[in-house]
Amino acid sequence: MKVVIIGAGISGLIAAGAFKGQEVTVVESSNSIPLFKDHHAVMRLRNDKIKQYIECKTTPITVQKAVYHEDKLYDSATIEMNNRYSMNTRGVLGERSLGDLGKQERFTLDDIYPSASVKFEFGRDVKVIVDGTVCCWEEIIPYDICISTIPMPSLLNILEIKSDQKFEANNIHVFKTVLPFDSTVHQTIYFTEADMPYRATIEGREITIESVSEISTFDIVHSLKPFGLGESDLDPTEHKITIQKMGKLVPIDDIARKRIMTDVTNRDNIYSFGRFATWKSIRIDQTLDDIEKIKTMVRVINKDFYYDL
C-alpha cells in the first residue's frame, strides 16, 4: 500500500511509524526534518507510548505544578482560575491543563531518530492533490491513502475547497534562559492574569516563560517571583526570545470541523492527523489514539489492504 504523508513534524513521523511496513513517503516543504526546530514551547508527554511509533529518547520526570492567582500559589484550581487562564491563553473558555496540578509523572521527549525505511521528499511544496496523486510540480507521487498533518486551512487551499470557517491562531512568545547554578527540579507555574505570560517552567537549569504577547523585563521578573527567584538569579549571557508560530489554535465550530475532515476523506482519501490538521488543541499522547482510529478507518474503507495493517 502506498502511503503519502504531508509534513515531517512529530505528527508526520508518528503517522509514518503507524504505517510501518507499507510503502511510506513523507513530503516536507522545508529542506530538512523539522522535528524540534520550530518547537520552542515546553512539551511533555503523559506516557512513553510514542515509542511504539517512532524511535526516540524519553526521560521520566516528576513535575511539581501550581497556579499563581492574585499573588498566591495554589495546588488546585477553581472554575474562576481555569476560566481566566483559558481567556489568557486562547481568548475563549475551555477546559485547560489546570486540572492536573500538584505532583505529576511525565516524560520529556529528548530526541527522535527518523526511520530509515521511510522515504523523505524534502523541499516539496504540495501544489495539487488530485486523482490519488500528490503533485509538487517537480514530482508527482501516487498514493492509496494520504495523511495530512499540515494546517486544515492550508489543505483546503490545496484542494480548492472553500469554507466559511475563520481559522485563527495565536503565536507564542517564548523566553528561555538558564540558571547559573545546579538544578534538578521540574516545576511549572500557570498564571491567570490577562496580558501576562501564561506559563513559566523550570527544567533542570533551563527556564522557559511563555506568553501570547511580547515578553518584557517586567514579565520575566513577575514570572520568576513565585519560584522564589529574581532577575539576579539568571545567566545574563543565555537569554533567548523566539516565537512559536500558531502555538495556540482558536477553536472553530466542532461540527463544521468534523464535517471538513470527513469530506476530504470521502472525496480524496485524505486523513487529517495532528493538532494543526484537525484544528484542535490536543496533546501528542492523544494523537496516538487518533492514528489508531485512522488505521481502523483505512481497514474498513480500503478492504483490499485489511490484512496489510
Protein backbone atom coordinates (compact mmCIF):
# COMPACT_ATOMS: atom_id res chain seq x y z
CA MET A 1 0.00 0.00 0.00
CA LYS A 2 1.34 3.42 -0.95
CA VAL A 3 1.02 5.92 1.90
CA VAL A 4 1.89 9.59 1.39
CA ILE A 5 2.22 11.75 4.49
CA ILE A 6 2.27 15.52 4.13
CA GLY A 7 4.50 17.10 6.77
CA ALA A 8 7.61 15.75 8.56
CA GLY A 9 6.92 17.14 12.01
CA ILE A 10 6.27 14.92 15.01
CA SER A 11 2.75 14.09 13.78
CA GLY A 12 4.13 13.11 10.38
CA LEU A 13 6.71 10.80 11.91
CA ILE A 14 4.11 9.19 14.18
CA ALA A 15 1.93 8.54 11.14
CA ALA A 16 4.89 7.08 9.26
CA GLY A 17 5.63 4.76 12.17
CA ALA A 18 1.99 3.69 12.39
CA PHE A 19 2.10 2.50 8.76
CA LYS A 20 5.50 0.87 9.05
CA GLY A 21 5.78 -1.96 6.59
CA GLN A 22 3.89 -0.08 3.89
CA GLU A 23 5.45 2.00 1.10
CA VAL A 24 5.61 5.28 3.03
CA THR A 25 6.69 8.62 1.55
CA VAL A 26 6.82 11.75 3.68
CA VAL A 27 6.57 15.03 1.77
CA GLU A 28 8.07 18.04 3.56
CA SER A 29 8.21 21.65 2.37
CA SER A 30 11.40 22.50 4.27
CA ASN A 31 14.81 21.18 3.28
CA SER A 32 15.24 19.01 6.37
CA ILE A 33 13.19 17.26 9.04
CA PRO A 34 11.67 19.99 11.28
CA LEU A 35 11.18 17.93 14.45
CA PHE A 36 12.07 20.27 17.31
CA LYS A 37 13.43 23.05 15.11
CA ASP A 38 10.21 25.05 15.21
CA HIS A 39 9.07 23.93 18.64
CA HIS A 40 10.26 26.23 21.40
CA ALA A 41 7.48 25.92 23.98
CA VAL A 42 7.53 23.34 26.78
CA MET A 43 6.44 19.88 25.67
CA ARG A 44 5.90 16.92 27.99
CA LEU A 45 4.32 13.51 27.50
CA ARG A 46 1.97 11.76 29.92
CA ASN A 47 3.34 8.37 28.86
CA ASP A 48 6.01 6.99 26.55
CA LYS A 49 3.71 5.12 24.17
CA ILE A 50 5.12 7.28 21.38
CA LYS A 51 7.97 4.73 21.28
CA GLN A 52 5.55 2.31 19.62
CA TYR A 53 5.56 4.57 16.56
CA ILE A 54 8.92 6.31 16.39
CA GLU A 55 12.42 5.68 17.66
CA CYS A 56 13.05 8.31 20.31
CA LYS A 57 14.60 9.04 23.66
CA THR A 58 12.33 9.90 26.60
CA THR A 59 13.08 10.59 30.25
CA PRO A 60 10.63 10.04 33.12
CA ILE A 61 10.31 13.04 35.43
CA THR A 62 8.20 14.20 38.35
CA VAL A 63 6.78 17.68 37.81
CA GLN A 64 5.50 19.97 40.55
CA LYS A 65 2.69 22.13 39.09
CA ALA A 66 0.80 25.05 40.59
CA VAL A 67 -1.31 28.05 39.57
CA TYR A 68 -0.44 31.63 40.56
CA HIS A 69 -3.62 33.60 41.17
CA GLU A 70 -3.84 37.05 42.74
CA ASP A 71 -0.32 36.81 44.20
CA LYS A 72 -0.84 33.37 45.76
CA LEU A 73 0.18 29.84 44.76
CA TYR A 74 -2.45 27.07 44.65
CA ASP A 75 -2.09 23.30 44.14
CA SER A 76 -5.67 23.04 42.83
CA ALA A 77 -7.64 25.35 40.56
CA THR A 78 -11.12 26.79 40.90
CA ILE A 79 -13.51 27.38 38.00
CA GLU A 80 -12.55 31.05 38.07
CA MET A 81 -8.85 30.22 37.75
CA ASN A 82 -9.50 27.84 34.87
CA ASN A 83 -11.61 30.38 33.01
CA ARG A 84 -9.20 33.26 33.50
CA TYR A 85 -6.29 31.10 32.39
CA SER A 86 -8.25 29.92 29.34
CA MET A 87 -9.09 33.50 28.34
CA ASN A 88 -5.45 34.47 28.88
CA THR A 89 -4.14 31.77 26.54
CA ARG A 90 -6.80 31.41 23.83
CA GLY A 91 -9.39 34.15 24.30
CA VAL A 92 -12.16 31.59 24.76
CA LEU A 93 -13.48 29.48 27.61
CA GLY A 94 -12.43 25.86 27.65
CA GLU A 95 -11.04 23.14 29.87
CA ARG A 96 -7.33 23.67 30.35
CA SER A 97 -4.47 21.75 31.95
CA LEU A 98 -5.10 23.31 35.37
CA GLY A 99 -6.96 20.12 36.32
CA ASP A 100 -3.63 18.32 36.79
CA LEU A 101 -1.76 20.27 39.44
CA GLY A 102 0.45 19.12 42.29
CA LYS A 103 2.98 16.35 41.62
CA GLN A 104 2.57 14.73 38.20
CA GLU A 105 4.51 11.96 36.48
CA ARG A 106 5.55 12.96 32.97
CA PHE A 107 8.13 12.21 30.27
CA THR A 108 10.36 14.58 28.36
CA LEU A 109 10.88 13.91 24.65
CA ASP A 110 14.61 14.37 24.26
CA ASP A 111 15.39 13.17 20.74
CA ILE A 112 13.85 11.49 17.70
CA TYR A 113 15.51 9.16 15.22
CA PRO A 114 13.66 9.01 11.86
CA SER A 115 13.11 5.54 10.45
CA ALA A 116 15.48 4.54 7.67
CA SER A 117 12.63 2.65 5.97
CA VAL A 118 10.68 5.86 5.30
CA LYS A 119 11.32 7.82 2.12
CA PHE A 120 11.55 11.58 2.68
CA GLU A 121 10.97 14.11 -0.08
CA PHE A 122 12.36 17.43 1.19
CA GLY A 123 11.81 20.87 -0.31
CA ARG A 124 8.49 19.74 -1.78
CA ASP A 125 5.63 22.24 -1.62
CA VAL A 126 2.38 20.41 -2.33
CA LYS A 127 0.52 22.33 -5.04
CA VAL A 128 -2.23 19.95 -6.12
CA ILE A 129 -3.80 16.75 -4.82
CA VAL A 130 -5.92 15.05 -7.45
CA ASP A 131 -6.86 11.57 -8.64
CA GLY A 132 -4.84 9.82 -5.96
CA THR A 133 -1.65 11.80 -6.54
CA VAL A 134 0.22 14.45 -4.60
CA CYS A 135 1.72 16.94 -7.04
CA CYS A 136 4.69 19.11 -6.08
CA TRP A 137 5.36 20.47 -9.60
CA GLU A 138 8.77 18.79 -9.57
CA GLU A 139 7.30 15.40 -8.77
CA ILE A 140 4.01 13.52 -8.88
CA ILE A 141 3.61 10.97 -6.09
CA PRO A 142 0.74 8.44 -6.28
CA TYR A 143 -0.95 7.21 -3.12
CA ASP A 144 -3.52 4.72 -1.95
CA ILE A 145 -4.09 6.78 1.19
CA CYS A 146 -2.80 10.23 2.11
CA ILE A 147 -2.35 11.57 5.63
CA SER A 148 -2.21 15.34 6.04
CA THR A 149 -0.53 16.90 9.09
CA ILE A 150 -0.45 20.45 7.69
CA PRO A 151 -2.90 23.11 8.95
CA MET A 152 -6.50 22.46 7.93
CA PRO A 153 -6.86 25.78 6.02
CA SER A 154 -3.68 25.01 4.07
CA LEU A 155 -5.06 21.65 2.95
CA LEU A 156 -8.36 23.25 1.97
CA ASN A 157 -6.48 25.77 -0.18
CA ILE A 158 -4.60 22.98 -1.95
CA LEU A 159 -7.85 21.10 -2.58
CA GLU A 160 -9.59 24.35 -3.61
CA ILE A 161 -12.32 23.76 -1.05
CA LYS A 162 -13.98 26.89 0.30
CA SER A 163 -15.00 27.11 3.94
CA ASP A 164 -16.84 29.81 5.85
CA GLN A 165 -14.87 28.95 9.00
CA LYS A 166 -12.47 31.58 10.33
CA PHE A 167 -9.17 29.86 11.07
CA GLU A 168 -7.20 31.85 13.64
CA ALA A 169 -4.21 31.06 15.83
CA ASN A 170 -2.08 32.98 18.29
CA ASN A 171 1.69 32.87 18.25
CA ILE A 172 3.51 32.05 21.47
CA HIS A 173 6.39 34.26 22.57
CA VAL A 174 8.98 32.12 24.33
CA PHE A 175 11.74 33.40 26.61
CA LYS A 176 14.50 30.94 27.53
CA THR A 177 17.42 31.31 29.87
CA VAL A 178 19.48 29.18 32.24
CA LEU A 179 20.28 29.29 35.91
CA PRO A 180 23.95 29.90 36.78
CA PHE A 181 23.79 27.16 39.42
CA ASP A 182 22.83 23.48 39.51
CA SER A 183 19.17 22.49 39.48
CA THR A 184 17.43 19.11 39.28
CA VAL A 185 13.80 20.25 39.70
CA HIS A 186 10.94 20.17 37.19
CA GLN A 187 8.37 22.84 38.08
CA THR A 188 5.59 24.64 36.20
CA ILE A 189 3.51 27.61 37.32
CA TYR A 190 0.42 28.81 35.43
CA PHE A 191 -0.65 32.47 35.59
CA THR A 192 -4.23 33.72 35.42
CA GLU A 193 -3.56 37.44 34.85
CA ALA A 194 -4.52 38.93 31.50
CA ASP A 195 -1.79 40.39 29.26
CA MET A 196 0.90 38.50 31.18
CA PRO A 197 2.86 35.30 30.48
CA TYR A 198 0.58 32.32 30.97
CA ARG A 199 3.19 29.73 31.98
CA ALA A 200 6.70 29.51 33.39
CA THR A 201 8.70 26.30 33.69
CA ILE A 202 11.95 25.17 35.23
CA GLU A 203 13.50 22.05 33.66
CA GLY A 204 16.76 21.43 35.42
CA ARG A 205 18.81 24.56 34.81
CA GLU A 206 16.63 25.83 31.95
CA ILE A 207 13.82 28.34 32.50
CA THR A 208 11.09 28.82 29.88
CA ILE A 209 8.49 31.60 30.01
CA GLU A 210 5.59 31.51 27.52
CA SER A 211 3.18 34.30 26.58
CA VAL A 212 0.70 35.15 23.83
CA SER A 213 2.10 38.71 23.80
CA GLU A 214 5.62 40.11 23.73
CA ILE A 215 7.63 39.38 26.86
CA SER A 216 9.03 42.36 28.77
CA THR A 217 11.58 42.55 31.57
CA PHE A 218 8.68 43.12 33.98
CA ASP A 219 7.04 39.90 32.71
CA ILE A 220 10.23 37.95 33.38
CA VAL A 221 10.60 39.30 36.91
CA HIS A 222 6.90 38.69 37.60
CA SER A 223 7.14 35.08 36.36
CA LEU A 224 10.21 34.31 38.47
CA LYS A 225 8.73 35.64 41.72
CA PRO A 226 6.56 32.61 42.67
CA PHE A 227 9.60 30.34 42.17
CA GLY A 228 11.45 32.38 44.78
CA LEU A 229 13.84 33.65 42.09
CA GLY A 230 14.81 37.08 40.82
CA GLU A 231 16.46 38.57 37.76
CA SER A 232 19.85 38.33 39.51
CA ASP A 233 19.48 34.52 39.55
CA LEU A 234 19.63 34.31 35.74
CA ASP A 235 22.65 33.94 33.50
CA PRO A 236 22.67 37.23 31.50
CA THR A 237 24.57 35.63 28.61
CA GLU A 238 21.99 32.91 27.90
CA HIS A 239 18.77 34.88 27.23
CA LYS A 240 16.85 33.98 24.07
CA ILE A 241 13.41 35.01 22.81
CA THR A 242 11.71 33.09 19.98
CA ILE A 243 8.21 32.80 18.53
CA GLN A 244 6.26 29.56 18.34
CA LYS A 245 4.07 30.15 15.29
CA MET A 246 0.43 29.11 15.60
CA GLY A 247 1.11 27.97 19.15
CA LYS A 248 -2.48 28.41 20.33
CA LEU A 249 -5.31 27.48 17.95
CA VAL A 250 -8.59 29.37 18.23
CA PRO A 251 -11.33 26.69 18.10
CA ILE A 252 -13.84 26.56 15.26
CA ASP A 253 -17.31 25.02 15.28
CA ASP A 254 -16.79 21.35 16.14
CA ILE A 255 -19.49 20.02 13.81
CA ALA A 256 -18.04 22.00 10.90
CA ARG A 257 -14.52 20.83 11.81
CA LYS A 258 -15.52 17.17 11.72
CA ARG A 259 -17.50 17.65 8.51
CA ILE A 260 -14.46 19.13 6.77
CA MET A 261 -12.30 16.14 7.75
CA THR A 262 -14.99 13.68 6.67
CA ASP A 263 -15.44 15.42 3.31
CA VAL A 264 -11.73 15.36 2.40
CA THR A 265 -11.51 11.70 3.42
CA ASN A 266 -14.54 10.71 1.34
CA ARG A 267 -13.51 12.82 -1.64
CA ASP A 268 -9.75 12.29 -1.85
CA ASN A 269 -8.94 9.51 0.64
CA ILE A 270 -7.04 12.03 2.78
CA TYR A 271 -6.96 11.57 6.54
CA SER A 272 -6.28 14.56 8.81
CA PHE A 273 -3.89 13.86 11.67
CA GLY A 274 -2.35 16.03 14.38
CA ARG A 275 -3.41 19.25 16.08
CA PHE A 276 -2.97 21.51 13.03
CA ALA A 277 -4.62 19.17 10.56
CA THR A 278 -7.62 18.55 12.82
CA TRP A 279 -7.57 22.17 14.09
CA LYS A 280 -7.91 21.04 17.67
CA SER A 281 -5.66 21.65 20.67
CA ILE A 282 -4.65 18.13 21.63
CA ARG A 283 -1.59 16.63 23.25
CA ILE A 284 0.83 14.31 21.47
CA ASP A 285 -0.43 11.49 23.72
CA GLN A 286 -3.95 12.00 22.37
CA THR A 287 -2.79 11.86 18.76
CA LEU A 288 -1.65 8.27 19.33
CA ASP A 289 -5.29 7.29 19.81
CA ASP A 290 -6.20 9.24 16.67
CA ILE A 291 -3.70 7.41 14.45
CA GLU A 292 -5.14 4.08 15.57
CA LYS A 293 -8.61 5.35 14.62
CA ILE A 294 -7.27 6.29 11.20
CA LYS A 295 -5.82 2.79 10.76
CA THR A 296 -9.22 1.33 11.63
CA MET A 297 -10.92 3.60 9.07
CA VAL A 298 -8.38 2.55 6.43
CA ARG A 299 -9.14 -1.10 7.13
CA VAL A 300 -12.87 -0.52 6.74
CA ILE A 301 -12.80 1.78 3.72
CA ASN A 302 -9.91 0.14 1.88
CA LYS A 303 -10.75 -3.54 2.35
CA ASP A 304 -8.05 -4.63 -0.12
CA PHE A 305 -5.43 -3.54 2.44
CA TYR A 306 -7.11 -5.02 5.51
CA TYR A 307 -4.55 -7.75 6.06
CA ASP A 308 -1.58 -5.47 5.41
CA LEU A 309 -2.06 -3.33 8.51
